[in-house]
Amino acid sequence: MIRSLSIKPSPKESAQKKLALQLLADIASDYQTVSLTQLANRYSYNRNYLSNLFKAEIGQTFSAVLTEQRLMQAHKLLTKTNLPVNTIIEQVGISNRSFFTRST
């Protein structure tokens, strides 16, 4: 996921960019359960500040990137396994089945 976005790490990157990249890594590794509130607490930032920082650095909202990651993982499971759709939805952290069926 990090590779698909236009941010590339560099030796002189700002603290905000480093934090945004860390948030992307957190989404990639914990997409099933991660939340902006949880990450704000982990990194000791205000949730709204973190949300605005993420949007400014990444160019997409936190929830849009998280949803994209979940849908990519769901697609992978749908094409590579025989798991039932309900199981896949549960495994990737999507709580709304109708949203999932509209998005796929």
PDB file of N, CA and C in Angstrom:
ATOM      1  N   MET A   1       0.822  -1.177   0.000  1.00  0.00           N
ATOM      2  CA  MET A   1       0.000   0.000   0.000  1.00  0.00           C
ATOM      3  C   MET A   1       0.868   1.244   0.000  1.00  0.00           C
ATOM      4  N   ILE A   2       1.915   1.238   0.795  1.00  0.00           N
ATOM      5  CA  ILE A   2       2.789   2.399   0.857  1.00  0.00           C
ATOM      6  C   ILE A   2       3.397   2.666  -0.513  1.00  0.00           C
ATOM      7  N   ARG A   3       3.731   1.629  -1.242  1.00  0.00           N
ATOM      8  CA  ARG A   3       4.342   1.796  -2.552  1.00  0.00           C
ATOM      9  C   ARG A   3       3.399   2.446  -3.549  1.00  0.00           C
ATOM     10  N   SER A   4       2.095   2.241  -3.396  1.00  0.00           N
ATOM     11  CA  SER A   4       1.143   2.781  -4.365  1.00  0.00           C
ATOM     12  C   SER A   4       0.889   4.271  -4.178  1.00  0.00           C
ATOM     13  N   LEU A   5       1.278   4.825  -3.052  1.00  0.00           N
ATOM     14  CA  LEU A   5       1.097   6.247  -2.827  1.00  0.00           C
ATOM     15  C   LEU A   5       2.354   6.997  -3.216  1.00  0.00           C
ATOM     16  N   SER A   6       2.218   8.288  -3.437  1.00  0.00           N
ATOM     17  CA  SER A   6       3.318   9.057  -4.009  1.00  0.00           C
ATOM     18  C   SER A   6       4.381   9.483  -3.007  1.00  0.00           C
ATOM     19  N   ILE A   7       4.245   9.154  -1.749  1.00  0.00           N
ATOM     20  CA  ILE A   7       5.225   9.556  -0.750  1.00  0.00           C
ATOM     21  C   ILE A   7       6.388   8.571  -0.764  1.00  0.00           C
ATOM     22  N   LYS A   8       7.574   9.099  -0.896  1.00  0.00           N
ATOM     23  CA  LYS A   8       8.775   8.275  -0.846  1.00  0.00           C
ATOM     24  C   LYS A   8       9.644   8.759   0.303  1.00  0.00           C
ATOM     25  N   PRO A   9      10.119   7.852   1.145  1.00  0.00           N
ATOM     26  CA  PRO A   9      10.965   8.278   2.250  1.00  0.00           C
ATOM     27  C   PRO A   9      12.284   8.856   1.733  1.00  0.00           C
ATOM     28  N   SER A  10      12.774   9.868   2.403  1.00  0.00           N
ATOM     29  CA  SER A  10      14.057  10.452   2.051  1.00  0.00           C
ATOM     30  C   SER A  10      14.783  10.826   3.334  1.00  0.00           C
ATOM     31  N   PRO A  11      16.090  11.013   3.262  1.00  0.00           N
ATOM     32  CA  PRO A  11      16.852  11.312   4.475  1.00  0.00           C
ATOM     33  C   PRO A  11      16.421  12.618   5.152  1.00  0.00           C
ATOM     34  N   LYS A  12      15.887  13.550   4.380  1.00  0.00           N
ATOM     35  CA  LYS A  12      15.528  14.849   4.938  1.00  0.00           C
ATOM     36  C   LYS A  12      14.025  15.014   5.139  1.00  0.00           C
ATOM     37  N   GLU A  13      13.297  13.947   5.283  1.00  0.00           N
ATOM     38  CA  GLU A  13      11.849  14.078   5.422  1.00  0.00           C
ATOM     39  C   GLU A  13      11.473  14.685   6.769  1.00  0.00           C
ATOM     40  N   SER A  14      10.366  15.354   6.773  1.00  0.00           N
ATOM     41  CA  SER A  14       9.905  16.040   7.969  1.00  0.00           C
ATOM     42  C   SER A  14       9.350  15.044   8.986  1.00  0.00           C
ATOM     43  N   ALA A  15       9.214  15.503  10.191  1.00  0.00           N
ATOM     44  CA  ALA A  15       8.630  14.675  11.251  1.00  0.00           C
ATOM     45  C   ALA A  15       7.194  14.300  10.895  1.00  0.00           C
ATOM     46  N   GLN A  16       6.465  15.216  10.264  1.00  0.00           N
ATOM     47  CA  GLN A  16       5.084  14.929   9.869  1.00  0.00           C
ATOM     48  C   GLN A  16       5.033  13.828   8.814  1.00  0.00           C
ATOM     49  N   LYS A  17       5.942  13.889   7.852  1.00  0.00           N
ATOM     50  CA  LYS A  17       5.965  12.870   6.810  1.00  0.00           C
ATOM     51  C   LYS A  17       6.338  11.514   7.400  1.00  0.00           C
ATOM     52  N   LYS A  18       7.296  11.498   8.319  1.00  0.00           N
ATOM     53  CA  LYS A  18       7.670  10.246   8.979  1.00  0.00           C
ATOM     54  C   LYS A  18       6.493   9.661   9.735  1.00  0.00           C
ATOM     55  N   LEU A  19       5.746  10.524  10.419  1.00  0.00           N
ATOM     56  CA  LEU A  19       4.572  10.055  11.154  1.00  0.00           C
ATOM     57  C   LEU A  19       3.521   9.512  10.194  1.00  0.00           C
ATOM     58  N   ALA A  20       3.300  10.207   9.083  1.00  0.00           N
ATOM     59  CA  ALA A  20       2.326   9.739   8.094  1.00  0.00           C
ATOM     60  C   ALA A  20       2.730   8.377   7.531  1.00  0.00           C
ATOM     61  N   LEU A  21       4.018   8.196   7.266  1.00  0.00           N
ATOM     62  CA  LEU A  21       4.499   6.903   6.773  1.00  0.00           C
ATOM     63  C   LEU A  21       4.329   5.810   7.826  1.00  0.00           C
ATOM     64  N   GLN A  22       4.532   6.159   9.084  1.00  0.00           N
ATOM     65  CA  GLN A  22       4.330   5.183  10.159  1.00  0.00           C
ATOM     66  C   GLN A  22       2.852   4.798  10.251  1.00  0.00           C
ATOM     67  N   LEU A  23       1.970   5.783  10.076  1.00  0.00           N
ATOM     68  CA  LEU A  23       0.536   5.489  10.096  1.00  0.00           C
ATOM     69  C   LEU A  23       0.166   4.559   8.943  1.00  0.00           C
ATOM     70  N   LEU A  24       0.747   4.781   7.770  1.00  0.00           N
ATOM     71  CA  LEU A  24       0.508   3.872   6.641  1.00  0.00           C
ATOM     72  C   LEU A  24       0.986   2.459   6.965  1.00  0.00           C
ATOM     73  N   ALA A  25       2.126   2.361   7.594  1.00  0.00           N
ATOM     74  CA  ALA A  25       2.651   1.046   7.978  1.00  0.00           C
ATOM     75  C   ALA A  25       1.728   0.382   9.001  1.00  0.00           C
ATOM     76  N   ASP A  26       1.193   1.181   9.931  1.00  0.00           N
ATOM     77  CA  ASP A  26       0.259   0.636  10.919  1.00  0.00           C
ATOM     78  C   ASP A  26      -1.013   0.132  10.251  1.00  0.00           C
ATOM     79  N   ILE A  27      -1.505   0.869   9.262  1.00  0.00           N
ATOM     80  CA  ILE A  27      -2.686   0.432   8.518  1.00  0.00           C
ATOM     81  C   ILE A  27      -2.385  -0.882   7.803  1.00  0.00           C
ATOM     82  N   ALA A  28      -1.239  -0.961   7.156  1.00  0.00           N
ATOM     83  CA  ALA A  28      -0.886  -2.167   6.402  1.00  0.00           C
ATOM     84  C   ALA A  28      -0.747  -3.390   7.303  1.00  0.00           C
ATOM     85  N   SER A  29      -0.233  -3.197   8.512  1.00  0.00           N
ATOM     86  CA  SER A  29       0.012  -4.351   9.375  1.00  0.00           C
ATOM     87  C   SER A  29      -1.172  -4.710  10.268  1.00  0.00           C
ATOM     88  N   ASP A  30      -2.046  -3.752  10.532  1.00  0.00           N
ATOM     89  CA  ASP A  30      -3.142  -4.001  11.485  1.00  0.00           C
ATOM     90  C   ASP A  30      -4.480  -3.508  10.938  1.00  0.00           C
ATOM     91  N   TYR A  31      -4.705  -3.694   9.628  1.00  0.00           N
ATOM     92  CA  TYR A  31      -5.889  -3.151   8.977  1.00  0.00           C
ATOM     93  C   TYR A  31      -7.206  -3.692   9.532  1.00  0.00           C
ATOM     94  N   GLN A  32      -7.179  -4.873  10.130  1.00  0.00           N
ATOM     95  CA  GLN A  32      -8.415  -5.467  10.638  1.00  0.00           C
ATOM     96  C   GLN A  32      -9.024  -4.661  11.783  1.00  0.00           C
ATOM     97  N   THR A  33      -8.194  -4.131  12.659  1.00  0.00           N
ATOM     98  CA  THR A  33      -8.707  -3.509  13.877  1.00  0.00           C
ATOM     99  C   THR A  33      -8.228  -2.092  14.129  1.00  0.00           C
ATOM    100  N   VAL A  34      -7.301  -1.590  13.339  1.00  0.00           N
ATOM    101  CA  VAL A  34      -6.714  -0.272  13.611  1.00  0.00           C
ATOM    102  C   VAL A  34      -7.772   0.831  13.481  1.00  0.00           C
ATOM    103  N   SER A  35      -7.615   1.864  14.294  1.00  0.00           N
ATOM    104  CA  SER A  35      -8.490   3.032  14.205  1.00  0.00           C
ATOM    105  C   SER A  35      -7.654   4.288  14.399  1.00  0.00           C
ATOM    106  N   LEU A  36      -8.170   5.390  13.920  1.00  0.00           N
ATOM    107  CA  LEU A  36      -7.469   6.656  14.075  1.00  0.00           C
ATOM    108  C   LEU A  36      -7.354   7.027  15.547  1.00  0.00           C
ATOM    109  N   THR A  37      -8.388   6.772  16.311  1.00  0.00           N
ATOM    110  CA  THR A  37      -8.355   7.067  17.749  1.00  0.00           C
ATOM    111  C   THR A  37      -7.267   6.257  18.438  1.00  0.00           C
ATOM    112  N   GLN A  38      -7.174   4.993  18.103  1.00  0.00           N
ATOM    113  CA  GLN A  38      -6.142   4.122  18.684  1.00  0.00           C
ATOM    114  C   GLN A  38      -4.742   4.644  18.353  1.00  0.00           C
ATOM    115  N   LEU A  39      -4.524   5.034  17.113  1.00  0.00           N
ATOM    116  CA  LEU A  39      -3.207   5.530  16.712  1.00  0.00           C
ATOM    117  C   LEU A  39      -2.913   6.895  17.332  1.00  0.00           C
ATOM    118  N   ALA A  40      -3.922   7.732  17.473  1.00  0.00           N
ATOM    119  CA  ALA A  40      -3.730   9.025  18.132  1.00  0.00           C
ATOM    120  C   ALA A  40      -3.277   8.811  19.571  1.00  0.00           C
ATOM    121  N   ASN A  41      -3.880   7.859  20.241  1.00  0.00           N
ATOM    122  CA  ASN A  41      -3.461   7.538  21.615  1.00  0.00           C
ATOM    123  C   ASN A  41      -2.052   6.958  21.645  1.00  0.00           C
ATOM    124  N   ARG A  42      -1.747   6.070  20.711  1.00  0.00           N
ATOM    125  CA  ARG A  42      -0.432   5.436  20.670  1.00  0.00           C
ATOM    126  C   ARG A  42       0.683   6.467  20.474  1.00  0.00           C
ATOM    127  N   TYR A  43       0.450   7.427  19.599  1.00  0.00           N
ATOM    128  CA  TYR A  43       1.490   8.409  19.285  1.00  0.00           C
ATOM    129  C   TYR A  43       1.326   9.726  20.044  1.00  0.00           C
ATOM    130  N   SER A  44       0.364   9.777  20.946  1.00  0.00           N
ATOM    131  CA  SER A  44       0.123  10.948  21.801  1.00  0.00           C
ATOM    132  C   SER A  44      -0.176  12.215  21.001  1.00  0.00           C
ATOM    133  N   TYR A  45      -1.099  12.081  20.058  1.00  0.00           N
ATOM    134  CA  TYR A  45      -1.566  13.224  19.287  1.00  0.00           C
ATOM    135  C   TYR A  45      -3.077  13.327  19.421  1.00  0.00           C
ATOM    136  N   ASN A  46      -3.576  14.520  19.210  1.00  0.00           N
ATOM    137  CA  ASN A  46      -5.017  14.728  19.138  1.00  0.00           C
ATOM    138  C   ASN A  46      -5.528  14.046  17.870  1.00  0.00           C
ATOM    139  N   ARG A  47      -6.668  13.392  17.968  1.00  0.00           N
ATOM    140  CA  ARG A  47      -7.228  12.640  16.844  1.00  0.00           C
ATOM    141  C   ARG A  47      -7.444  13.536  15.619  1.00  0.00           C
ATOM    142  N   ASN A  48      -7.999  14.727  15.828  1.00  0.00           N
ATOM    143  CA  ASN A  48      -8.256  15.635  14.705  1.00  0.00           C
ATOM    144  C   ASN A  48      -6.954  16.117  14.061  1.00  0.00           C
ATOM    145  N   TYR A  49      -5.962  16.412  14.887  1.00  0.00           N
ATOM    146  CA  TYR A  49      -4.663  16.829  14.357  1.00  0.00           C
ATOM    147  C   TYR A  49      -4.069  15.715  13.497  1.00  0.00           C
ATOM    148  N   LEU A  50      -4.117  14.500  14.006  1.00  0.00           N
ATOM    149  CA  LEU A  50      -3.561  13.362  13.278  1.00  0.00           C
ATOM    150  C   LEU A  50      -4.304  13.138  11.959  1.00  0.00           C
ATOM    151  N   SER A  51      -5.603  13.299  12.001  1.00  0.00           N
ATOM    152  CA  SER A  51      -6.409  13.156  10.792  1.00  0.00           C
ATOM    153  C   SER A  51      -6.021  14.195   9.742  1.00  0.00           C
ATOM    154  N   ASN A  52      -5.881  15.440  10.163  1.00  0.00           N
ATOM    155  CA  ASN A  52      -5.503  16.509   9.239  1.00  0.00           C
ATOM    156  C   ASN A  52      -4.088  16.314   8.705  1.00  0.00           C
ATOM    157  N   LEU A  53      -3.178  15.892   9.565  1.00  0.00           N
ATOM    158  CA  LEU A  53      -1.800  15.641   9.154  1.00  0.00           C
ATOM    159  C   LEU A  53      -1.762  14.524   8.103  1.00  0.00           C
ATOM    160  N   PHE A  54      -2.498  13.456   8.361  1.00  0.00           N
ATOM    161  CA  PHE A  54      -2.540  12.322   7.441  1.00  0.00           C
ATOM    162  C   PHE A  54      -3.050  12.768   6.071  1.00  0.00           C
ATOM    163  N   LYS A  55      -4.140  13.504   6.062  1.00  0.00           N
ATOM    164  CA  LYS A  55      -4.733  13.984   4.809  1.00  0.00           C
ATOM    165  C   LYS A  55      -3.758  14.894   4.060  1.00  0.00           C
ATOM    166  N   ALA A  56      -3.075  15.782   4.780  1.00  0.00           N
ATOM    167  CA  ALA A  56      -2.133  16.710   4.149  1.00  0.00           C
ATOM    168  C   ALA A  56      -0.928  15.972   3.557  1.00  0.00           C
ATOM    169  N   GLU A  57      -0.425  14.980   4.252  1.00  0.00           N
ATOM    170  CA  GLU A  57       0.779  14.272   3.799  1.00  0.00           C
ATOM    171  C   GLU A  57       0.489  13.186   2.770  1.00  0.00           C
ATOM    172  N   ILE A  58      -0.619  12.498   2.923  1.00  0.00           N
ATOM    173  CA  ILE A  58      -0.937  11.353   2.064  1.00  0.00           C
ATOM    174  C   ILE A  58      -1.826  11.753   0.891  1.00  0.00           C
ATOM    175  N   GLY A  59      -2.682  12.736   1.115  1.00  0.00           N
ATOM    176  CA  GLY A  59      -3.585  13.170   0.052  1.00  0.00           C
ATOM    177  C   GLY A  59      -4.920  12.459   0.058  1.00  0.00           C
ATOM    178  N   GLN A  60      -5.124  11.578   1.012  1.00  0.00           N
ATOM    179  CA  GLN A  60      -6.387  10.861   1.194  1.00  0.00           C
ATOM    180  C   GLN A  60      -6.689  10.828   2.675  1.00  0.00           C
ATOM    181  N   THR A  61      -7.961  10.636   3.011  1.00  0.00           N
ATOM    182  CA  THR A  61      -8.307  10.533   4.420  1.00  0.00           C
ATOM    183  C   THR A  61      -7.850   9.198   4.981  1.00  0.00           C
ATOM    184  N   PHE A  62      -7.709   9.166   6.290  1.00  0.00           N
ATOM    185  CA  PHE A  62      -7.331   7.931   6.978  1.00  0.00           C
ATOM    186  C   PHE A  62      -8.335   6.828   6.663  1.00  0.00           C
ATOM    187  N   SER A  63      -9.620   7.147   6.766  1.00  0.00           N
ATOM    188  CA  SER A  63     -10.636   6.115   6.546  1.00  0.00           C
ATOM    189  C   SER A  63     -10.646   5.623   5.106  1.00  0.00           C
ATOM    190  N   ALA A  64     -10.364   6.490   4.141  1.00  0.00           N
ATOM    191  CA  ALA A  64     -10.315   6.055   2.741  1.00  0.00           C
ATOM    192  C   ALA A  64      -9.158   5.083   2.521  1.00  0.00           C
ATOM    193  N   VAL A  65      -8.007   5.382   3.093  1.00  0.00           N
ATOM    194  CA  VAL A  65      -6.839   4.495   2.948  1.00  0.00           C
ATOM    195  C   VAL A  65      -7.088   3.173   3.665  1.00  0.00           C
ATOM    196  N   LEU A  66      -7.676   3.243   4.849  1.00  0.00           N
ATOM    197  CA  LEU A  66      -7.985   2.026   5.604  1.00  0.00           C
ATOM    198  C   LEU A  66      -8.978   1.155   4.840  1.00  0.00           C
ATOM    199  N   THR A  67     -10.018   1.765   4.307  1.00  0.00           N
ATOM    200  CA  THR A  67     -11.008   1.012   3.540  1.00  0.00           C
ATOM    201  C   THR A  67     -10.380   0.395   2.299  1.00  0.00           C
ATOM    202  N   GLU A  68      -9.529   1.148   1.627  1.00  0.00           N
ATOM    203  CA  GLU A  68      -8.839   0.617   0.449  1.00  0.00           C
ATOM    204  C   GLU A  68      -7.987  -0.596   0.810  1.00  0.00           C
ATOM    205  N   GLN A  69      -7.276  -0.517   1.919  1.00  0.00           N
ATOM    206  CA  GLN A  69      -6.446  -1.639   2.370  1.00  0.00           C
ATOM    207  C   GLN A  69      -7.316  -2.861   2.670  1.00  0.00           C
ATOM    208  N   ARG A  70      -8.422  -2.643   3.360  1.00  0.00           N
ATOM    209  CA  ARG A  70      -9.320  -3.758   3.684  1.00  0.00           C
ATOM    210  C   ARG A  70      -9.898  -4.390   2.430  1.00  0.00           C
ATOM    211  N   LEU A  71     -10.297  -3.566   1.473  1.00  0.00           N
ATOM    212  CA  LEU A  71     -10.865  -4.106   0.238  1.00  0.00           C
ATOM    213  C   LEU A  71      -9.816  -4.858  -0.584  1.00  0.00           C
ATOM    214  N   MET A  72      -8.580  -4.368  -0.584  1.00  0.00           N
ATOM    215  CA  MET A  72      -7.510  -5.090  -1.284  1.00  0.00           C
ATOM    216  C   MET A  72      -7.280  -6.458  -0.655  1.00  0.00           C
ATOM    217  N   GLN A  73      -7.279  -6.521   0.667  1.00  0.00           N
ATOM    218  CA  GLN A  73      -7.093  -7.806   1.348  1.00  0.00           C
ATOM    219  C   GLN A  73      -8.283  -8.728   1.096  1.00  0.00           C
ATOM    220  N   ALA A  74      -9.488  -8.164   1.097  1.00  0.00           N
ATOM    221  CA  ALA A  74     -10.680  -8.967   0.824  1.00  0.00           C
ATOM    222  C   ALA A  74     -10.622  -9.532  -0.595  1.00  0.00           C
ATOM    223  N   HIS A  75     -10.218  -8.723  -1.542  1.00  0.00           N
ATOM    224  CA  HIS A  75     -10.090  -9.184  -2.923  1.00  0.00           C
ATOM    225  C   HIS A  75      -9.099 -10.341  -3.018  1.00  0.00           C
ATOM    226  N   LYS A  76      -7.992 -10.189  -2.326  1.00  0.00           N
ATOM    227  CA  LYS A  76      -6.981 -11.245  -2.326  1.00  0.00           C
ATOM    228  C   LYS A  76      -7.568 -12.549  -1.767  1.00  0.00           C
ATOM    229  N   LEU A  77      -8.308 -12.440  -0.665  1.00  0.00           N
ATOM    230  CA  LEU A  77      -8.905 -13.641  -0.067  1.00  0.00           C
ATOM    231  C   LEU A  77      -9.994 -14.233  -0.960  1.00  0.00           C
ATOM    232  N   LEU A  78     -10.764 -13.386  -1.620  1.00  0.00           N
ATOM    233  CA  LEU A  78     -11.822 -13.876  -2.501  1.00  0.00           C
ATOM    234  C   LEU A  78     -11.250 -14.645  -3.695  1.00  0.00           C
ATOM    235  N   THR A  79     -10.125 -14.178  -4.192  1.00  0.00           N
ATOM    236  CA  THR A  79      -9.560 -14.817  -5.382  1.00  0.00           C
ATOM    237  C   THR A  79      -8.641 -15.991  -5.075  1.00  0.00           C
ATOM    238  N   LYS A  80      -8.109 -16.058  -3.871  1.00  0.00           N
ATOM    239  CA  LYS A  80      -7.121 -17.097  -3.568  1.00  0.00           C
ATOM    240  C   LYS A  80      -7.609 -18.149  -2.570  1.00  0.00           C
ATOM    241  N   THR A  81      -8.792 -17.966  -2.018  1.00  0.00           N
ATOM    242  CA  THR A  81      -9.306 -18.949  -1.062  1.00  0.00           C
ATOM    243  C   THR A  81     -10.740 -19.301  -1.416  1.00  0.00           C
ATOM    244  N   ASN A  82     -11.256 -20.285  -0.735  1.00  0.00           N
ATOM    245  CA  ASN A  82     -12.654 -20.672  -0.883  1.00  0.00           C
ATOM    246  C   ASN A  82     -13.469 -20.281   0.343  1.00  0.00           C
ATOM    247  N   LEU A  83     -12.973 -19.329   1.095  1.00  0.00           N
ATOM    248  CA  LEU A  83     -13.666 -18.899   2.308  1.00  0.00           C
ATOM    249  C   LEU A  83     -14.996 -18.244   1.954  1.00  0.00           C
ATOM    250  N   PRO A  84     -16.002 -18.422   2.800  1.00  0.00           N
ATOM    251  CA  PRO A  84     -17.282 -17.741   2.580  1.00  0.00           C
ATOM    252  C   PRO A  84     -17.110 -16.221   2.712  1.00  0.00           C
ATOM    253  N   VAL A  85     -17.942 -15.490   1.998  1.00  0.00           N
ATOM    254  CA  VAL A  85     -17.855 -14.032   2.004  1.00  0.00           C
ATOM    255  C   VAL A  85     -17.980 -13.478   3.420  1.00  0.00           C
ATOM    256  N   ASN A  86     -18.884 -14.016   4.222  1.00  0.00           N
ATOM    257  CA  ASN A  86     -19.038 -13.529   5.603  1.00  0.00           C
ATOM    258  C   ASN A  86     -17.747 -13.673   6.403  1.00  0.00           C
ATOM    259  N   THR A  87     -17.047 -14.753   6.204  1.00  0.00           N
ATOM    260  CA  THR A  87     -15.781 -14.975   6.907  1.00  0.00           C
ATOM    261  C   THR A  87     -14.734 -13.966   6.443  1.00  0.00           C
ATOM    262  N   ILE A  88     -14.672 -13.734   5.154  1.00  0.00           N
ATOM    263  CA  ILE A  88     -13.705 -12.778   4.605  1.00  0.00           C
ATOM    264  C   ILE A  88     -13.995 -11.377   5.132  1.00  0.00           C
ATOM    265  N   ILE A  89     -15.250 -10.982   5.115  1.00  0.00           N
ATOM    266  CA  ILE A  89     -15.629  -9.657   5.617  1.00  0.00           C
ATOM    267  C   ILE A  89     -15.176  -9.498   7.062  1.00  0.00           C
ATOM    268  N   GLU A  90     -15.420 -10.506   7.853  1.00  0.00           N
ATOM    269  CA  GLU A  90     -15.023 -10.487   9.259  1.00  0.00           C
ATOM    270  C   GLU A  90     -13.505 -10.415   9.410  1.00  0.00           C
ATOM    271  N   GLN A  91     -12.789 -11.188   8.625  1.00  0.00           N
ATOM    272  CA  GLN A  91     -11.328 -11.243   8.728  1.00  0.00           C
ATOM    273  C   GLN A  91     -10.655  -9.924   8.372  1.00  0.00           C
ATOM    274  N   VAL A  92     -11.214  -9.193   7.426  1.00  0.00           N
ATOM    275  CA  VAL A  92     -10.574  -7.943   7.010  1.00  0.00           C
ATOM    276  C   VAL A  92     -11.058  -6.732   7.803  1.00  0.00           C
ATOM    277  N   GLY A  93     -12.041  -6.915   8.668  1.00  0.00           N
ATOM    278  CA  GLY A  93     -12.472  -5.819   9.534  1.00  0.00           C
ATOM    279  C   GLY A  93     -13.587  -4.966   8.989  1.00  0.00           C
ATOM    280  N   ILE A  94     -14.288  -5.441   7.968  1.00  0.00           N
ATOM    281  CA  ILE A  94     -15.428  -4.695   7.432  1.00  0.00           C
ATOM    282  C   ILE A  94     -16.670  -5.135   8.190  1.00  0.00           C
ATOM    283  N   SER A  95     -17.386  -4.163   8.726  1.00  0.00           N
ATOM    284  CA  SER A  95     -18.538  -4.506   9.566  1.00  0.00           C
ATOM    285  C   SER A  95     -19.874  -4.437   8.824  1.00  0.00           C
ATOM    286  N   ASN A  96     -19.897  -3.857   7.657  1.00  0.00           N
ATOM    287  CA  ASN A  96     -21.149  -3.666   6.936  1.00  0.00           C
ATOM    288  C   ASN A  96     -21.137  -4.488   5.648  1.00  0.00           C
ATOM    289  N   ARG A  97     -21.899  -5.562   5.644  1.00  0.00           N
ATOM    290  CA  ARG A  97     -21.922  -6.462   4.482  1.00  0.00           C
ATOM    291  C   ARG A  97     -22.440  -5.766   3.229  1.00  0.00           C
ATOM    292  N   SER A  98     -23.457  -4.925   3.355  1.00  0.00           N
ATOM    293  CA  SER A  98     -23.998  -4.253   2.167  1.00  0.00           C
ATOM    294  C   SER A  98     -22.974  -3.288   1.585  1.00  0.00           C
ATOM    295  N   PHE A  99     -22.199  -2.613   2.432  1.00  0.00           N
ATOM    296  CA  PHE A  99     -21.124  -1.761   1.924  1.00  0.00           C
ATOM    297  C   PHE A  99     -20.125  -2.607   1.142  1.00  0.00           C
ATOM    298  N   PHE A 100     -19.781  -3.751   1.681  1.00  0.00           N
ATOM    299  CA  PHE A 100     -18.807  -4.622   1.039  1.00  0.00           C
ATOM    300  C   PHE A 100     -19.299  -5.066  -0.335  1.00  0.00           C
ATOM    301  N   THR A 101     -20.543  -5.486  -0.425  1.00  0.00           N
ATOM    302  CA  THR A 101     -21.058  -5.965  -1.699  1.00  0.00           C
ATOM    303  C   THR A 101     -21.180  -4.840  -2.715  1.00  0.00           C
ATOM    304  N   ARG A 102     -21.444  -3.625  -2.270  1.00  0.00           N
ATOM    305  CA  ARG A 102     -21.479  -2.478  -3.198  1.00  0.00           C
ATOM    306  C   ARG A 102     -20.082  -2.105  -3.648  1.00  0.00           C
ATOM    307  N   SER A 103     -19.084  -2.322  -2.805  1.00  0.00           N
ATOM    308  CA  SER A 103     -17.716  -1.900  -3.102  1.00  0.00           C
ATOM    309  C   SER A 103     -16.945  -2.894  -3.952  1.00  0.00           C
ATOM    310  N   THR A 104     -17.387  -4.131  -4.009  1.00  0.00           N
ATOM    311  CA  THR A 104     -16.628  -5.145  -4.749  1.00  0.00           C
ATOM    312  C   THR A 104     -17.139  -5.298  -6.156  1.00  0.00           C
TER     313      THR A 104
END
